[in-house]
Amino acid sequence: MKEKILSAINDPGKLERYYRSNKSEFRRNFNSVYAEIHGSPLAQFWYERLNFEKEEVSWGSRRELLYVLLLALAAGFLAKVPHIFGISEDFFYPRNIGFIFLPLLTAYFAWKNKLETKRLVIIAAAFLACLLYINLYPASSPESDVFILVCLHLPLLLWVLLGLSFAGNEASDHQKRLSYLSYNGDLLVITGLIIIAGGIMTGVTIGLFSAIGLSIEDFYFRNVVIFGLPAAPIIGTYLIQANPQLVGKITPVIARIFSPLVLIMLVIYLGAMLFGGGDPYHDRDFLLVFNLLLIGVMAIIFFSVAGGSETTKTNLERWMLFLLSIVTIIVNGIALSAIMFRIAEWGITPNRLAVMGANILILTHLLLEATNLYKTAAGKGILAQPGRAIASYIPVYVVWLLIVVFLFPLLFSIT
């Protein structure tokens, strides 16, 4: 998108076309290159247009709003399938939780980006194949380790398909991949706010009816909450797309605030673990918490890089991210050595192999990212290197997801 903006800076028609194709991405990329083109009157016009702080929230066109509302209703209907058709909840939800809203978000971006027919057919076929695969998975082994791993990793695979739809017809563009990660950060923020507001409304509503002697908890949760939860990310996505300024500044600010705090916390935590007797080598629950901590910190690093332009980051912020990545590498190394120790002591299981593989991928990615962050902070590399490293590594995670979802059941017994 940056190259397109620079090449079309004297062509108002093309700039308008690029803007309408993806408003949030256009705004982010235009601001990152504005320093190079600020002498152009057209560039000054677009800068004022994109950065004008609107006081009201835009609800977009009536047609798009209607389409989003229909998708939200469809998500609620899918969440109610077990109750409508008498399907066991224990069978339906573990297998189909990702299919309740991710295909609908994919349909929204496919419609918005005018996805070409061939790509649309491929994505739809992939969704259908995954749907059939997980629902035909042998019901005799609902509690097997492999089944649980497949159920945990399949939504991530569907998330990748959503990313293909988000990227439109430019899935190989690394900037599109970064925009997708940034969108996910924004979506987490606004969906969280929607859920908090919905939770407050739920508490007030139930409290009011309880005050007049009516108990509506069961009815409310089965018919209102179950519709609202899957609709939240759909409505949140629509608000983000219609109002790029709504949360576009929040995610980078949160990442900037928490990066130094998390760095301090991690250093203190490692010291406390060293002197306090924490043992990820023999304590399985401790190792689980350790890995969850690793994923959370890694997400902060990636959102910090993907959530804003590198040209807007100070050198102090780049050094902070580099130090955070180094400490995270240490955490990852401890977690990886712990899981390898458990494999050496008690043998390979699906869970141990899955965790070991994920840790190896994350460690490799963090090493690449730390190298690029150091080069950027030290002035030895181009500013776009950290973001490009994140974007180019995503296919590696996709391959691992495919292995866990489709190959693990063949490698291990599914009964």
Protein backbone atom coordinates (compact mmCIF):
# COMPACT_ATOMS: atom_id res chain seq x y z
CA MET A 1 0.00 0.00 0.00
CA LYS A 2 2.87 2.42 0.73
CA GLU A 3 4.25 1.98 -2.77
CA LYS A 4 0.79 2.51 -4.27
CA ILE A 5 0.30 5.74 -2.32
CA LEU A 6 3.69 7.09 -3.34
CA SER A 7 3.14 6.25 -7.00
CA ALA A 8 -0.35 7.79 -7.06
CA ILE A 9 0.32 10.92 -5.02
CA ASN A 10 -0.60 13.12 -7.99
CA ASP A 11 -3.59 11.02 -9.03
CA PRO A 12 -6.68 11.88 -6.91
CA GLY A 13 -8.77 9.11 -8.50
CA LYS A 14 -6.34 6.32 -7.61
CA LEU A 15 -5.87 7.60 -4.06
CA GLU A 16 -9.62 7.60 -3.54
CA ARG A 17 -9.83 4.06 -4.93
CA TYR A 18 -7.08 2.83 -2.60
CA TYR A 19 -8.72 4.56 0.34
CA ARG A 20 -12.09 2.94 -0.28
CA SER A 21 -10.55 -0.51 -0.70
CA ASN A 22 -9.27 -0.48 2.90
CA LYS A 23 -9.67 2.72 4.90
CA SER A 24 -7.76 1.71 8.02
CA GLU A 25 -4.78 0.32 6.12
CA PHE A 26 -4.68 3.36 3.79
CA ARG A 27 -4.73 5.75 6.76
CA ARG A 28 -1.95 3.91 8.58
CA ASN A 29 0.31 3.68 5.54
CA PHE A 30 -0.37 7.24 4.38
CA ASN A 31 0.65 8.63 7.78
CA SER A 32 3.84 6.56 7.70
CA VAL A 33 4.96 8.05 4.35
CA TYR A 34 3.60 11.57 4.85
CA ALA A 35 7.02 12.93 5.81
CA GLU A 36 8.24 12.06 2.30
CA ILE A 37 5.33 13.69 0.43
CA HIS A 38 4.21 16.55 2.71
CA GLY A 39 5.20 19.12 0.10
CA SER A 40 2.39 18.03 -2.23
CA PRO A 41 -0.89 19.99 -1.87
CA LEU A 42 -2.84 16.76 -2.50
CA ALA A 43 -0.85 15.02 0.26
CA GLN A 44 -1.65 17.87 2.66
CA PHE A 45 -5.34 17.57 1.79
CA TRP A 46 -5.34 13.82 2.44
CA TYR A 47 -3.44 14.26 5.70
CA GLU A 48 -6.06 16.67 7.03
CA ARG A 49 -8.85 14.44 5.77
CA LEU A 50 -7.47 11.27 7.36
CA ASN A 51 -6.47 12.83 10.67
CA PHE A 52 -9.51 14.99 11.25
CA GLU A 53 -10.93 13.83 14.60
CA LYS A 54 -14.59 13.08 14.02
CA GLU A 55 -16.73 13.43 17.12
CA GLU A 56 -19.48 11.10 15.92
CA VAL A 57 -19.30 7.40 15.20
CA SER A 58 -19.95 6.47 11.58
CA TRP A 59 -22.35 3.59 10.98
CA GLY A 60 -21.44 3.26 7.32
CA SER A 61 -23.93 2.68 4.54
CA ARG A 62 -27.36 1.22 5.21
CA ARG A 63 -26.58 -1.72 2.94
CA GLU A 64 -23.39 -2.64 4.78
CA LEU A 65 -25.03 -2.21 8.18
CA LEU A 66 -27.89 -4.52 7.13
CA TYR A 67 -25.39 -7.10 5.90
CA VAL A 68 -23.49 -7.00 9.22
CA LEU A 69 -26.71 -7.33 11.24
CA LEU A 70 -27.69 -10.39 9.19
CA LEU A 71 -24.25 -11.91 9.86
CA ALA A 72 -24.65 -11.20 13.59
CA LEU A 73 -28.05 -12.90 13.61
CA ALA A 74 -26.59 -15.84 11.71
CA ALA A 75 -23.84 -16.17 14.34
CA GLY A 76 -26.47 -16.23 17.08
CA PHE A 77 -28.43 -18.88 15.21
CA LEU A 78 -25.32 -21.05 14.81
CA ALA A 79 -24.62 -20.74 18.54
CA LYS A 80 -28.18 -21.98 19.20
CA VAL A 81 -27.92 -25.02 16.90
CA PRO A 82 -27.60 -27.55 19.76
CA HIS A 83 -30.75 -26.19 21.43
CA ILE A 84 -32.75 -25.92 18.19
CA PHE A 85 -31.89 -29.36 16.79
CA GLY A 86 -31.32 -31.25 20.02
CA ILE A 87 -27.61 -31.86 19.41
CA SER A 88 -25.41 -32.64 22.38
CA GLU A 89 -23.59 -29.53 23.57
CA ASP A 90 -20.58 -31.67 24.51
CA PHE A 91 -20.40 -32.83 20.90
CA PHE A 92 -21.17 -29.53 19.16
CA TYR A 93 -19.24 -26.80 20.94
CA PRO A 94 -15.75 -28.35 21.20
CA ARG A 95 -15.84 -29.18 17.51
CA ASN A 96 -17.62 -26.13 16.12
CA ILE A 97 -16.81 -23.16 18.36
CA GLY A 98 -14.67 -21.60 15.62
CA PHE A 99 -17.35 -22.07 12.97
CA ILE A 100 -19.86 -19.95 14.86
CA PHE A 101 -18.36 -16.59 13.89
CA LEU A 102 -15.09 -16.98 11.91
CA PRO A 103 -16.74 -18.03 8.61
CA LEU A 104 -19.14 -15.09 8.94
CA LEU A 105 -16.28 -12.63 9.48
CA THR A 106 -14.59 -14.23 6.47
CA ALA A 107 -17.76 -13.67 4.43
CA TYR A 108 -17.81 -10.02 5.52
CA PHE A 109 -14.26 -9.33 4.32
CA ALA A 110 -14.79 -11.37 1.15
CA TRP A 111 -17.78 -9.16 0.35
CA LYS A 112 -16.05 -5.94 1.38
CA ASN A 113 -12.83 -6.70 -0.53
CA LYS A 114 -14.68 -8.03 -3.59
CA LEU A 115 -12.69 -11.25 -3.42
CA GLU A 116 -12.09 -12.86 -6.78
CA THR A 117 -14.19 -15.97 -7.42
CA LYS A 118 -11.29 -18.44 -7.53
CA ARG A 119 -9.93 -17.34 -4.15
CA LEU A 120 -13.43 -17.28 -2.67
CA VAL A 121 -14.09 -20.86 -3.79
CA ILE A 122 -10.79 -22.05 -2.31
CA ILE A 123 -11.52 -20.44 1.07
CA ALA A 124 -15.10 -21.75 1.14
CA ALA A 125 -13.90 -25.26 0.22
CA ALA A 126 -11.29 -25.13 2.99
CA PHE A 127 -13.94 -24.14 5.55
CA LEU A 128 -16.24 -26.94 4.36
CA ALA A 129 -13.43 -29.51 4.48
CA CYS A 130 -12.53 -28.48 8.04
CA LEU A 131 -16.19 -28.58 9.08
CA LEU A 132 -16.67 -32.10 7.75
CA TYR A 133 -13.33 -33.26 9.13
CA ILE A 134 -13.93 -32.21 12.73
CA ASN A 135 -17.57 -33.34 12.83
CA LEU A 136 -16.73 -36.75 11.35
CA TYR A 137 -13.90 -37.20 13.83
CA PRO A 138 -14.61 -40.45 15.75
CA ALA A 139 -17.01 -39.78 18.61
CA SER A 140 -15.51 -42.68 20.55
CA SER A 141 -12.52 -40.57 21.54
CA PRO A 142 -13.89 -37.20 22.69
CA GLU A 143 -11.41 -36.98 25.56
CA SER A 144 -8.27 -38.18 23.81
CA ASP A 145 -5.26 -35.86 23.82
CA VAL A 146 -5.16 -35.76 20.02
CA PHE A 147 -8.83 -34.80 19.80
CA ILE A 148 -8.32 -31.96 22.29
CA LEU A 149 -5.28 -30.73 20.35
CA VAL A 150 -7.23 -30.78 17.09
CA CYS A 151 -10.09 -28.84 18.68
CA LEU A 152 -7.64 -26.25 20.06
CA HIS A 153 -5.68 -25.80 16.83
CA LEU A 154 -8.53 -25.92 14.28
CA PRO A 155 -9.91 -22.44 15.21
CA LEU A 156 -6.41 -21.07 14.60
CA LEU A 157 -6.49 -22.63 11.14
CA LEU A 158 -9.87 -20.99 10.53
CA TRP A 159 -8.32 -17.73 11.74
CA VAL A 160 -5.74 -18.11 8.96
CA LEU A 161 -8.55 -18.49 6.41
CA LEU A 162 -10.09 -15.30 7.80
CA GLY A 163 -6.72 -13.61 7.22
CA LEU A 164 -6.77 -14.68 3.57
CA SER A 165 -10.16 -13.04 3.17
CA PHE A 166 -8.98 -9.92 5.04
CA ALA A 167 -5.98 -9.60 2.72
CA GLY A 168 -8.25 -9.76 -0.31
CA ASN A 169 -6.38 -10.50 -3.50
CA GLU A 170 -2.98 -9.53 -2.01
CA ALA A 171 -2.42 -12.30 0.54
CA SER A 172 1.31 -12.43 -0.21
CA ASP A 173 1.79 -8.74 0.68
CA HIS A 174 3.59 -8.59 4.05
CA GLN A 175 1.96 -5.24 4.83
CA LYS A 176 -1.46 -6.87 4.50
CA ARG A 177 -0.41 -9.53 6.98
CA LEU A 178 0.72 -6.87 9.45
CA SER A 179 -2.56 -5.03 8.96
CA TYR A 180 -4.35 -8.27 9.79
CA LEU A 181 -2.41 -8.62 13.05
CA SER A 182 -3.15 -4.98 13.84
CA TYR A 183 -6.84 -5.58 13.12
CA ASN A 184 -6.83 -8.47 15.59
CA GLY A 185 -5.37 -6.23 18.29
CA ASP A 186 -8.03 -3.59 17.63
CA LEU A 187 -10.72 -6.29 17.58
CA LEU A 188 -9.62 -7.62 20.98
CA VAL A 189 -9.96 -4.12 22.43
CA ILE A 190 -13.36 -3.25 21.01
CA THR A 191 -14.83 -6.73 21.51
CA GLY A 192 -13.69 -6.59 25.13
CA LEU A 193 -15.45 -3.24 25.55
CA ILE A 194 -18.63 -4.58 23.94
CA ILE A 195 -18.61 -7.65 26.20
CA ILE A 196 -18.00 -5.52 29.31
CA ALA A 197 -20.92 -3.26 28.36
CA GLY A 198 -23.06 -6.31 27.64
CA GLY A 199 -22.09 -7.81 31.01
CA ILE A 200 -23.14 -4.65 32.81
CA MET A 201 -26.46 -4.63 30.94
CA THR A 202 -26.97 -8.32 31.78
CA GLY A 203 -26.37 -7.71 35.49
CA VAL A 204 -28.72 -4.71 35.57
CA THR A 205 -31.45 -6.52 33.62
CA ILE A 206 -31.37 -9.65 35.78
CA GLY A 207 -31.24 -7.50 38.91
CA LEU A 208 -34.28 -5.45 37.87
CA PHE A 209 -36.39 -8.52 37.12
CA SER A 210 -35.25 -10.20 40.34
CA ALA A 211 -36.46 -7.13 42.25
CA ILE A 212 -40.03 -7.83 41.09
CA GLY A 213 -39.79 -11.54 41.81
CA LEU A 214 -39.03 -12.85 38.30
CA SER A 215 -36.06 -15.15 37.75
CA ILE A 216 -34.98 -14.77 34.11
CA GLU A 217 -31.37 -15.95 34.35
CA ASP A 218 -31.82 -19.18 32.41
CA PHE A 219 -33.98 -17.60 29.70
CA TYR A 220 -31.68 -14.59 29.36
CA PHE A 221 -28.49 -16.60 29.02
CA ARG A 222 -30.01 -19.10 26.58
CA ASN A 223 -31.66 -16.51 24.31
CA VAL A 224 -29.84 -13.19 24.72
CA VAL A 225 -26.29 -13.85 25.88
CA ILE A 226 -25.81 -16.77 23.50
CA PHE A 227 -26.82 -14.46 20.61
CA GLY A 228 -24.75 -11.54 21.82
CA LEU A 229 -21.39 -13.24 22.41
CA PRO A 230 -20.75 -14.47 18.83
CA ALA A 231 -22.19 -11.22 17.45
CA ALA A 232 -19.70 -9.09 19.43
CA PRO A 233 -16.64 -9.66 17.17
CA ILE A 234 -18.78 -9.14 14.07
CA ILE A 235 -20.18 -5.82 15.29
CA GLY A 236 -16.70 -4.90 16.56
CA THR A 237 -15.17 -5.58 13.15
CA TYR A 238 -17.78 -3.41 11.46
CA LEU A 239 -17.13 -0.53 13.86
CA ILE A 240 -13.37 -0.78 13.27
CA GLN A 241 -13.77 -0.79 9.50
CA ALA A 242 -16.26 2.08 9.48
CA ASN A 243 -14.30 4.11 12.06
CA PRO A 244 -10.55 3.49 11.72
CA GLN A 245 -9.93 6.22 14.30
CA LEU A 246 -12.10 4.51 16.91
CA VAL A 247 -9.50 2.16 18.43
CA GLY A 248 -6.62 2.55 15.98
CA LYS A 249 -4.65 4.57 18.52
CA ILE A 250 -5.55 2.49 21.56
CA THR A 251 -3.76 -0.76 20.73
CA PRO A 252 -0.34 0.86 20.08
CA VAL A 253 -0.72 2.96 23.24
CA ILE A 254 -1.56 -0.13 25.31
CA ALA A 255 1.44 -1.94 23.83
CA ARG A 256 3.71 1.04 24.58
CA ILE A 257 2.50 1.24 28.19
CA PHE A 258 2.74 -2.46 28.91
CA SER A 259 6.00 -3.25 27.10
CA PRO A 260 8.26 -1.73 29.84
CA LEU A 261 5.95 -2.98 32.60
CA VAL A 262 5.99 -6.53 31.23
CA LEU A 263 9.77 -6.35 30.84
CA ILE A 264 10.19 -5.40 34.51
CA MET A 265 7.66 -8.07 35.58
CA LEU A 266 9.45 -10.78 33.59
CA VAL A 267 12.85 -9.95 35.07
CA ILE A 268 11.40 -9.99 38.60
CA TYR A 269 9.48 -13.18 37.82
CA LEU A 270 12.58 -14.99 36.55
CA GLY A 271 14.47 -13.95 39.66
CA ALA A 272 11.63 -15.06 41.93
CA MET A 273 11.45 -18.39 40.10
CA LEU A 274 15.18 -18.88 40.51
CA PHE A 275 15.17 -18.19 44.25
CA GLY A 276 11.58 -19.18 45.05
CA GLY A 277 11.71 -22.79 43.93
CA GLY A 278 9.46 -22.73 40.88
CA ASP A 279 10.03 -25.92 38.90
CA PRO A 280 8.71 -26.15 35.31
CA TYR A 281 10.63 -29.42 34.88
CA HIS A 282 8.47 -31.45 37.27
CA ASP A 283 5.39 -29.28 37.84
CA ARG A 284 3.07 -29.67 34.84
CA ASP A 285 0.71 -26.85 35.88
CA PHE A 286 3.65 -24.49 36.40
CA LEU A 287 4.91 -25.32 32.89
CA LEU A 288 1.44 -24.60 31.48
CA VAL A 289 1.36 -21.16 33.14
CA PHE A 290 4.89 -20.56 31.88
CA ASN A 291 3.85 -21.23 28.29
CA LEU A 292 0.74 -19.06 28.58
CA LEU A 293 2.96 -16.26 29.88
CA LEU A 294 5.25 -16.77 26.90
CA ILE A 295 2.39 -16.53 24.40
CA GLY A 296 1.03 -13.37 26.06
CA VAL A 297 4.39 -11.58 26.05
CA MET A 298 5.08 -12.64 22.47
CA ALA A 299 1.69 -11.19 21.48
CA ILE A 300 2.63 -7.85 23.08
CA ILE A 301 5.86 -7.77 21.06
CA PHE A 302 4.13 -8.62 17.80
CA PHE A 303 1.26 -6.17 18.34
CA SER A 304 3.79 -3.46 19.23
CA VAL A 305 5.54 -4.01 15.89
CA ALA A 306 2.40 -4.55 13.80
CA GLY A 307 0.21 -1.96 15.51
CA GLY A 308 2.00 1.15 14.34
CA SER A 309 4.39 2.49 11.78
CA GLU A 310 8.07 1.93 12.46
CA THR A 311 8.73 5.54 11.53
CA THR A 312 6.63 6.71 14.51
CA LYS A 313 8.56 4.64 17.07
CA THR A 314 11.35 6.23 19.08
CA ASN A 315 14.70 4.53 19.36
CA LEU A 316 14.01 3.96 23.08
CA GLU A 317 10.89 1.98 22.15
CA ARG A 318 12.87 -0.16 19.73
CA TRP A 319 15.47 -0.92 22.40
CA MET A 320 12.68 -1.71 24.86
CA LEU A 321 11.15 -4.20 22.42
CA PHE A 322 14.59 -5.71 21.81
CA LEU A 323 15.19 -6.22 25.55
CA LEU A 324 11.69 -7.64 25.96
CA SER A 325 12.34 -10.09 23.14
CA ILE A 326 15.63 -11.17 24.76
CA VAL A 327 13.94 -11.85 28.11
CA THR A 328 11.13 -13.68 26.29
CA ILE A 329 13.75 -15.82 24.54
CA ILE A 330 15.09 -16.78 27.97
CA VAL A 331 11.56 -17.69 29.12
CA ASN A 332 11.05 -19.68 25.93
CA GLY A 333 14.38 -21.46 26.40
CA ILE A 334 13.40 -22.52 29.92
CA ALA A 335 9.98 -23.75 28.74
CA LEU A 336 11.53 -25.64 25.82
CA SER A 337 14.19 -27.29 28.00
CA ALA A 338 11.46 -28.27 30.49
CA ILE A 339 9.29 -29.96 27.89
CA MET A 340 12.31 -31.73 26.37
CA PHE A 341 13.25 -32.93 29.86
CA ARG A 342 9.73 -34.31 30.34
CA ILE A 343 9.92 -36.11 26.99
CA ALA A 344 13.29 -37.62 27.90
CA GLU A 345 11.96 -38.75 31.30
CA TRP A 346 8.47 -39.95 30.47
CA GLY A 347 8.37 -40.32 26.68
CA ILE A 348 6.54 -38.63 23.83
CA THR A 349 2.84 -37.84 24.10
CA PRO A 350 0.71 -35.77 21.71
CA ASN A 351 0.60 -32.86 24.18
CA ARG A 352 4.35 -32.85 24.76
CA LEU A 353 5.14 -33.06 21.07
CA ALA A 354 2.69 -30.25 20.26
CA VAL A 355 4.10 -27.99 22.99
CA MET A 356 7.69 -28.76 21.98
CA GLY A 357 7.00 -28.01 18.32
CA ALA A 358 5.24 -24.74 19.14
CA ASN A 359 8.08 -23.68 21.47
CA ILE A 360 10.70 -24.39 18.81
CA LEU A 361 8.76 -22.31 16.25
CA ILE A 362 8.28 -19.44 18.70
CA LEU A 363 11.92 -19.50 19.79
CA THR A 364 13.12 -19.37 16.18
CA HIS A 365 10.72 -16.52 15.44
CA LEU A 366 11.79 -14.58 18.52
CA LEU A 367 15.46 -14.97 17.60
CA LEU A 368 14.76 -13.57 14.12
CA GLU A 369 12.67 -10.75 15.55
CA ALA A 370 15.28 -9.88 18.21
CA THR A 371 17.98 -9.74 15.53
CA ASN A 372 15.94 -7.37 13.40
CA LEU A 373 14.93 -5.22 16.37
CA TYR A 374 18.59 -4.88 17.35
CA LYS A 375 19.63 -3.91 13.81
CA THR A 376 16.84 -1.36 13.62
CA ALA A 377 17.54 0.14 17.06
CA ALA A 378 21.29 0.28 16.37
CA GLY A 379 20.73 1.89 12.96
CA LYS A 380 22.15 -1.12 11.11
CA GLY A 381 18.97 -2.19 9.33
CA ILE A 382 15.94 -0.75 7.58
CA LEU A 383 12.95 0.27 9.70
CA ALA A 384 10.59 -2.23 8.08
CA GLN A 385 12.66 -5.30 8.98
CA PRO A 386 10.90 -6.25 12.27
CA GLY A 387 7.47 -6.07 10.65
CA ARG A 388 8.61 -7.98 7.60
CA ALA A 389 10.07 -10.71 9.86
CA ILE A 390 6.70 -11.18 11.55
CA ALA A 391 4.78 -11.26 8.29
CA SER A 392 7.12 -13.65 6.51
CA TYR A 393 7.08 -16.15 9.38
CA ILE A 394 3.29 -16.58 9.51
CA PRO A 395 3.30 -19.41 6.88
CA VAL A 396 5.59 -21.43 9.18
CA TYR A 397 2.91 -21.37 11.89
CA VAL A 398 0.32 -22.38 9.28
CA VAL A 399 2.35 -25.47 8.36
CA TRP A 400 2.55 -26.45 12.03
CA LEU A 401 -1.21 -26.01 12.44
CA LEU A 402 -1.79 -28.30 9.47
CA ILE A 403 0.54 -30.91 10.99
CA VAL A 404 -1.24 -30.87 14.37
CA VAL A 405 -4.76 -30.85 12.95
CA PHE A 406 -4.36 -33.40 10.16
CA LEU A 407 -1.15 -35.36 10.77
CA PHE A 408 -1.27 -35.91 14.53
CA PRO A 409 -4.35 -38.16 14.30
CA LEU A 410 -2.37 -40.35 11.91
CA LEU A 411 0.78 -40.35 14.03
CA PHE A 412 -1.08 -41.24 17.23
CA SER A 413 -3.98 -43.54 17.83
CA ILE A 414 -7.31 -41.70 17.82
CA THR A 415 -9.08 -44.27 19.95
